[in-house]
C-alpha atoms as a PDB file:
ATOM      1  CA  MET A   1     -17.299 -12.282  -3.610  1.00  0.00           C
ATOM      2  CA  ALA A   2     -15.475  -8.898  -3.764  1.00  0.00           C
ATOM      3  CA  PHE A   3     -16.685  -5.845  -1.936  1.00  0.00           C
ATOM      4  CA  ARG A   4     -18.004  -3.238  -4.246  1.00  0.00           C
ATOM      5  CA  PRO A   5     -19.310   0.181  -3.051  1.00  0.00           C
ATOM      6  CA  THR A   6     -22.480   1.158  -4.797  1.00  0.00           C
ATOM      7  CA  LEU A   7     -24.480   4.408  -4.899  1.00  0.00           C
ATOM      8  CA  GLU A   8     -27.428   3.696  -2.697  1.00  0.00           C
ATOM      9  CA  SER A   9     -30.175   6.322  -2.859  1.00  0.00           C
ATOM     10  CA  HIS A  10     -33.954   6.413  -2.533  1.00  0.00           C
ATOM     11  CA  SER A  11     -34.390   9.562  -4.588  1.00  0.00           C
ATOM     12  CA  GLY A  12     -32.282  11.871  -6.726  1.00  0.00           C
ATOM     13  CA  THR A  13     -31.807  14.471  -3.947  1.00  0.00           C
ATOM     14  CA  GLU A  14     -29.995  11.857  -1.779  1.00  0.00           C
ATOM     15  CA  SER A  15     -27.540  10.621  -4.466  1.00  0.00           C
ATOM     16  CA  PRO A  16     -24.014  11.984  -4.373  1.00  0.00           C
ATOM     17  CA  SER A  17     -23.349  14.970  -6.581  1.00  0.00           C
ATOM     18  CA  TRP A  18     -20.827  14.437  -9.041  1.00  0.00           C
ATOM     19  CA  TRP A  19     -20.508  18.186  -9.799  1.00  0.00           C
ATOM     20  CA  GLY A  20     -20.141  18.858  -6.009  1.00  0.00           C
ATOM     21  CA  ALA A  21     -17.337  16.330  -5.834  1.00  0.00           C
ATOM     22  CA  MET A  22     -15.596  17.999  -8.778  1.00  0.00           C
ATOM     23  CA  LEU A  23     -16.063  21.525  -7.505  1.00  0.00           C
ATOM     24  CA  LEU A  24     -14.704  20.397  -3.951  1.00  0.00           C
ATOM     25  CA  GLY A  25     -11.744  18.798  -5.961  1.00  0.00           C
ATOM     26  CA  ALA A  26     -11.145  22.064  -7.941  1.00  0.00           C
ATOM     27  CA  VAL A  27     -11.176  24.097  -4.792  1.00  0.00           C
ATOM     28  CA  PHE A  28      -8.459  21.699  -3.217  1.00  0.00           C
ATOM     29  CA  VAL A  29      -6.395  21.726  -6.316  1.00  0.00           C
ATOM     30  CA  ALA A  30      -6.413  25.581  -6.609  1.00  0.00           C
ATOM     31  CA  ALA A  31      -5.544  26.021  -2.957  1.00  0.00           C
ATOM     32  CA  GLY A  32      -2.737  23.534  -3.129  1.00  0.00           C
ATOM     33  CA  LEU A  33      -1.286  25.232  -6.176  1.00  0.00           C
ATOM     34  CA  PHE A  34      -1.627  28.630  -4.360  1.00  0.00           C
ATOM     35  CA  LEU A  35       0.296  27.253  -1.301  1.00  0.00           C
ATOM     36  CA  LEU A  36       3.091  25.773  -3.513  1.00  0.00           C
ATOM     37  CA  GLY A  37       3.674  29.151  -4.932  1.00  0.00           C
ATOM     38  CA  ASP A  38       5.479  30.303  -1.863  1.00  0.00           C
ATOM     39  CA  VAL A  39       5.821  27.619   0.851  1.00  0.00           C
ATOM     40  CA  VAL A  40       7.614  29.774   3.421  1.00  0.00           C
ATOM     41  CA  ALA A  41       4.942  32.505   3.143  1.00  0.00           C
ATOM     42  CA  ALA A  42       2.299  29.891   3.410  1.00  0.00           C
ATOM     43  CA  THR A  43       3.784  28.407   6.538  1.00  0.00           C
ATOM     44  CA  VAL A  44       4.023  31.942   8.241  1.00  0.00           C
ATOM     45  CA  ILE A  45       0.601  32.937   7.124  1.00  0.00           C
ATOM     46  CA  SER A  46      -0.795  29.778   8.603  1.00  0.00           C
ATOM     47  CA  ALA A  47       0.810  30.355  11.960  1.00  0.00           C
ATOM     48  CA  VAL A  48      -0.548  33.876  11.931  1.00  0.00           C
ATOM     49  CA  VAL A  49      -3.964  32.864  11.077  1.00  0.00           C
ATOM     50  CA  ILE A  50      -4.071  30.097  13.685  1.00  0.00           C
ATOM     51  CA  GLY A  51      -2.793  32.582  16.182  1.00  0.00           C
ATOM     52  CA  ILE A  52      -5.521  35.007  15.459  1.00  0.00           C
ATOM     53  CA  VAL A  53      -8.319  32.306  15.767  1.00  0.00           C
ATOM     54  CA  LEU A  54      -6.827  31.304  19.079  1.00  0.00           C
ATOM     55  CA  LEU A  55      -6.538  34.889  20.355  1.00  0.00           C
ATOM     56  CA  ILE A  56     -10.285  35.484  19.408  1.00  0.00           C
ATOM     57  CA  ALA A  57     -11.302  32.182  21.068  1.00  0.00           C
ATOM     58  CA  GLY A  58      -9.256  33.082  24.257  1.00  0.00           C
ATOM     59  CA  VAL A  59     -10.855  36.412  24.538  1.00  0.00           C
ATOM     60  CA  SER A  60     -14.306  35.131  23.885  1.00  0.00           C
ATOM     61  CA  GLU A  61     -13.916  32.429  26.613  1.00  0.00           C
ATOM     62  CA  ALA A  62     -12.821  35.173  29.117  1.00  0.00           C
ATOM     63  CA  ILE A  63     -15.625  37.479  28.163  1.00  0.00           C
ATOM     64  CA  GLN A  64     -18.211  34.613  28.610  1.00  0.00           C
ATOM     65  CA  ALA A  65     -16.632  33.598  31.939  1.00  0.00           C
ATOM     66  CA  PHE A  66     -17.188  37.244  33.140  1.00  0.00           C
ATOM     67  CA  SER A  67     -20.548  37.527  31.673  1.00  0.00           C
ATOM     68  CA  ALA A  68     -21.936  34.432  33.474  1.00  0.00           C
ATOM     69  CA  PRO A  69     -19.855  34.231  36.690  1.00  0.00           C
ATOM     70  CA  HIS A  70     -22.491  32.173  38.590  1.00  0.00           C
ATOM     71  CA  TRP A  71     -21.815  29.268  36.272  1.00  0.00           C
ATOM     72  CA  ARG A  72     -19.612  26.677  37.528  1.00  0.00           C
ATOM     73  CA  GLY A  73     -15.923  26.599  36.377  1.00  0.00           C
ATOM     74  CA  PHE A  74     -15.433  30.321  36.450  1.00  0.00           C
ATOM     75  CA  LEU A  75     -11.640  30.110  37.083  1.00  0.00           C
ATOM     76  CA  LEU A  76     -11.188  27.147  34.747  1.00  0.00           C
ATOM     77  CA  ARG A  77     -12.787  29.050  31.978  1.00  0.00           C
ATOM     78  CA  ILE A  78     -10.778  32.206  32.666  1.00  0.00           C
ATOM     79  CA  LEU A  79      -7.621  29.925  32.661  1.00  0.00           C
ATOM     80  CA  ILE A  80      -8.568  28.204  29.451  1.00  0.00           C
ATOM     81  CA  GLY A  81      -9.302  31.716  27.785  1.00  0.00           C
ATOM     82  CA  ALA A  82      -5.922  32.893  29.068  1.00  0.00           C
ATOM     83  CA  LEU A  83      -4.231  29.862  27.592  1.00  0.00           C
ATOM     84  CA  TYR A  84      -5.783  30.299  24.271  1.00  0.00           C
ATOM     85  CA  ALA A  85      -4.931  34.009  24.145  1.00  0.00           C
ATOM     86  CA  VAL A  86      -1.305  33.513  25.202  1.00  0.00           C
ATOM     87  CA  CYS A  87      -0.905  30.787  22.491  1.00  0.00           C
ATOM     88  CA  GLY A  88      -2.526  32.972  19.920  1.00  0.00           C
ATOM     89  CA  LEU A  89      -0.279  35.949  20.924  1.00  0.00           C
ATOM     90  CA  MET A  90       2.791  33.655  20.647  1.00  0.00           C
ATOM     91  CA  LEU A  91       1.743  32.530  16.985  1.00  0.00           C
ATOM     92  CA  VAL A  92       1.085  36.144  15.969  1.00  0.00           C
ATOM     93  CA  THR A  93       4.218  37.817  17.417  1.00  0.00           C
ATOM     94  CA  ASP A  94       6.692  35.001  16.430  1.00  0.00           C
ATOM     95  CA  PRO A  95       5.175  33.010  13.658  1.00  0.00           C
ATOM     96  CA  GLY A  96       8.620  31.530  12.729  1.00  0.00           C
ATOM     97  CA  ARG A  97       9.270  29.951  15.871  1.00  0.00           C
ATOM     98  CA  ALA A  98       5.583  29.073  16.402  1.00  0.00           C
ATOM     99  CA  SER A  99       5.787  27.372  12.969  1.00  0.00           C
ATOM    100  CA  ILE A 100       8.384  24.924  14.281  1.00  0.00           C
ATOM    101  CA  ILE A 101       5.866  23.636  16.906  1.00  0.00           C
ATOM    102  CA  LEU A 102       3.103  23.717  14.372  1.00  0.00           C
ATOM    103  CA  ALA A 103       5.337  21.544  12.246  1.00  0.00           C
ATOM    104  CA  LEU A 104       5.411  18.901  14.896  1.00  0.00           C
ATOM    105  CA  VAL A 105       1.670  18.965  15.418  1.00  0.00           C
ATOM    106  CA  PHE A 106       0.996  18.856  11.640  1.00  0.00           C
ATOM    107  CA  ALA A 107       3.338  15.924  11.268  1.00  0.00           C
ATOM    108  CA  LEU A 108       1.313  13.906  13.604  1.00  0.00           C
ATOM    109  CA  SER A 109      -1.926  15.077  11.999  1.00  0.00           C
ATOM    110  CA  LEU A 110      -0.595  13.976   8.624  1.00  0.00           C
ATOM    111  CA  ILE A 111       0.210  10.587   9.796  1.00  0.00           C
ATOM    112  CA  ALA A 112      -3.215  10.191  11.304  1.00  0.00           C
ATOM    113  CA  SER A 113      -5.000  11.773   8.255  1.00  0.00           C
ATOM    114  CA  GLY A 114      -3.092   9.370   5.952  1.00  0.00           C
ATOM    115  CA  ALA A 115      -4.008   6.233   7.849  1.00  0.00           C
ATOM    116  CA  VAL A 116      -7.688   7.346   7.674  1.00  0.00           C
ATOM    117  CA  ARG A 117      -7.412   7.794   3.912  1.00  0.00           C
ATOM    118  CA  ILE A 118      -5.640   4.283   3.396  1.00  0.00           C
ATOM    119  CA  VAL A 119      -8.627   2.642   5.279  1.00  0.00           C
ATOM    120  CA  GLN A 120     -11.112   4.652   3.095  1.00  0.00           C
ATOM    121  CA  ALA A 121      -9.314   3.729  -0.090  1.00  0.00           C
ATOM    122  CA  VAL A 122     -10.373   0.201   0.423  1.00  0.00           C
ATOM    123  CA  GLU A 123     -14.077   1.250   0.636  1.00  0.00           C
ATOM    124  CA  TYR A 124     -13.847   3.574  -2.361  1.00  0.00           C
ATOM    125  CA  TRP A 125     -11.632   1.361  -4.447  1.00  0.00           C
ATOM    126  CA  GLN A 126     -14.153   1.240  -7.229  1.00  0.00           C
ATOM    127  CA  TRP A 127     -14.036   5.109  -7.328  1.00  0.00           C
ATOM    128  CA  ALA A 128     -10.365   5.696  -7.780  1.00  0.00           C
ATOM    129  CA  GLY A 129      -9.407   4.428  -4.532  1.00  0.00           C
ATOM    130  CA  TRP A 130      -5.958   3.958  -5.491  1.00  0.00           C
ATOM    131  CA  LEU A 131      -5.555   7.767  -5.723  1.00  0.00           C
ATOM    132  CA  LEU A 132      -6.970   8.005  -2.238  1.00  0.00           C
ATOM    133  CA  LEU A 133      -4.472   5.362  -1.207  1.00  0.00           C
ATOM    134  CA  PHE A 134      -1.668   7.152  -2.782  1.00  0.00           C
ATOM    135  CA  SER A 135      -2.747  10.322  -0.993  1.00  0.00           C
ATOM    136  CA  GLY A 136      -2.770   8.561   2.294  1.00  0.00           C
ATOM    137  CA  VAL A 137       0.614   7.063   1.774  1.00  0.00           C
ATOM    138  CA  VAL A 138       2.024  10.449   0.729  1.00  0.00           C
ATOM    139  CA  GLY A 139       0.379  12.005   3.858  1.00  0.00           C
ATOM    140  CA  ILE A 140       2.115   9.398   6.086  1.00  0.00           C
ATOM    141  CA  ALA A 141       5.534   9.716   4.396  1.00  0.00           C
ATOM    142  CA  ALA A 142       5.258  13.492   4.593  1.00  0.00           C
ATOM    143  CA  GLY A 143       4.531  13.438   8.337  1.00  0.00           C
ATOM    144  CA  LEU A 144       7.515  11.001   8.792  1.00  0.00           C
ATOM    145  CA  VAL A 145       9.826  13.391   6.799  1.00  0.00           C
ATOM    146  CA  ILE A 146       8.664  16.332   8.809  1.00  0.00           C
ATOM    147  CA  LEU A 147       9.491  14.431  12.009  1.00  0.00           C
ATOM    148  CA  SER A 148      12.873  13.205  10.850  1.00  0.00           C
ATOM    149  CA  LYS A 149      14.042  16.788   9.730  1.00  0.00           C
ATOM    150  CA  TRP A 150      12.158  18.574  12.856  1.00  0.00           C
ATOM    151  CA  PRO A 151      12.898  21.346  13.973  1.00  0.00           C
ATOM    152  CA  VAL A 152      14.804  22.660  10.901  1.00  0.00           C
ATOM    153  CA  SER A 153      11.763  21.717   8.626  1.00  0.00           C
ATOM    154  CA  GLY A 154       9.386  23.916  10.522  1.00  0.00           C
ATOM    155  CA  LEU A 155       9.791  27.019   8.388  1.00  0.00           C
ATOM    156  CA  TRP A 156       9.119  25.657   4.925  1.00  0.00           C
ATOM    157  CA  VAL A 157       7.631  22.096   5.208  1.00  0.00           C
ATOM    158  CA  LEU A 158       4.240  23.146   6.416  1.00  0.00           C
ATOM    159  CA  GLY A 159       3.431  25.124   3.265  1.00  0.00           C
ATOM    160  CA  LEU A 160       4.954  22.540   0.904  1.00  0.00           C
ATOM    161  CA  VAL A 161       3.262  19.567   2.497  1.00  0.00           C
ATOM    162  CA  VAL A 162      -0.017  21.160   2.781  1.00  0.00           C
ATOM    163  CA  GLY A 163       0.044  22.309  -0.846  1.00  0.00           C
ATOM    164  CA  ILE A 164       0.864  18.780  -2.007  1.00  0.00           C
ATOM    165  CA  ASP A 165      -1.671  17.142   0.283  1.00  0.00           C
ATOM    166  CA  LEU A 166      -4.445  19.398  -0.943  1.00  0.00           C
ATOM    167  CA  LEU A 167      -3.482  18.906  -4.570  1.00  0.00           C
ATOM    168  CA  LEU A 168      -3.508  15.225  -4.291  1.00  0.00           C
ATOM    169  CA  HIS A 169      -6.842  15.050  -2.224  1.00  0.00           C
ATOM    170  CA  GLY A 170      -8.313  17.455  -4.890  1.00  0.00           C
ATOM    171  CA  LEU A 171      -7.315  15.210  -7.652  1.00  0.00           C
ATOM    172  CA  TRP A 172      -9.031  12.346  -5.930  1.00  0.00           C
ATOM    173  CA  TRP A 173     -12.278  14.284  -5.504  1.00  0.00           C
ATOM    174  CA  ILE A 174     -12.214  15.351  -9.243  1.00  0.00           C
ATOM    175  CA  SER A 175     -11.717  11.652 -10.120  1.00  0.00           C
ATOM    176  CA  LEU A 176     -14.571  10.526  -7.845  1.00  0.00           C
ATOM    177  CA  GLY A 177     -16.886  13.162  -9.453  1.00  0.00           C
ATOM    178  CA  SER A 178     -15.982  12.112 -12.937  1.00  0.00           C
ATOM    179  CA  ARG A 179     -16.713   8.439 -11.861  1.00  0.00           C
ATOM    180  CA  LEU A 180     -20.088   9.566 -10.322  1.00  0.00           C
ATOM    181  CA  ARG A 181     -21.011  11.387 -13.491  1.00  0.00           C
ATOM    182  CA  HIS A 182     -20.069   8.329 -15.673  1.00  0.00           C
ATOM    183  CA  GLU A 183     -22.119   6.022 -13.508  1.00  0.00           C
ATOM    184  CA  ARG A 184     -25.101   8.407 -13.361  1.00  0.00           C
ATOM    185  CA  SER A 185     -25.201   8.757 -17.249  1.00  0.00           C
ATOM    186  CA  ALA A 186     -25.054   4.934 -17.515  1.00  0.00           C
ATOM    187  CA  ILE A 187     -28.329   4.553 -15.529  1.00  0.00           C
ATOM    188  CA  PRO A 188     -31.291   4.343 -17.853  1.00  0.00           C
ATOM    189  CA  ALA A 189     -33.981   6.949 -17.256  1.00  0.00           C
END
């Protein structure tokens, strides 16, 4: 007996939303195409945005440590806040160099994400799981390419790979939404 995932729901509000899946897919596809427009700029912008987030997180951690100094771990929280802030500043002030390190972290993340998608492809095979499988294989391959060309690949590869990854993942969501719509319309009222 072959495994076949089904739409299990007890009411219409709990069933998967075909239009929500298609909308999410469209957002992923649009984001992917936007990033592919200028991969170097996308890489540098990613480094700056991550830097700003880390800077805000670090300052917030330090403020929290001073606002409640009676809590345990005051020095540890100050140290964590300082590390976040320093990393954030490094990303903001030198996004090119920071992109090289981000490329390494991203390569490892792509490999892990690709592996998860390959496992999910088996569960969702009836709903265009082959596209999810393809997306996972591309994610792993891209991660391995980044690692093989690192550190030179650091300036352009993040934008390129993220753009392709978002595009493929978005196409899978659109395909899933189409399948859900088709299955829902086939159910008699």
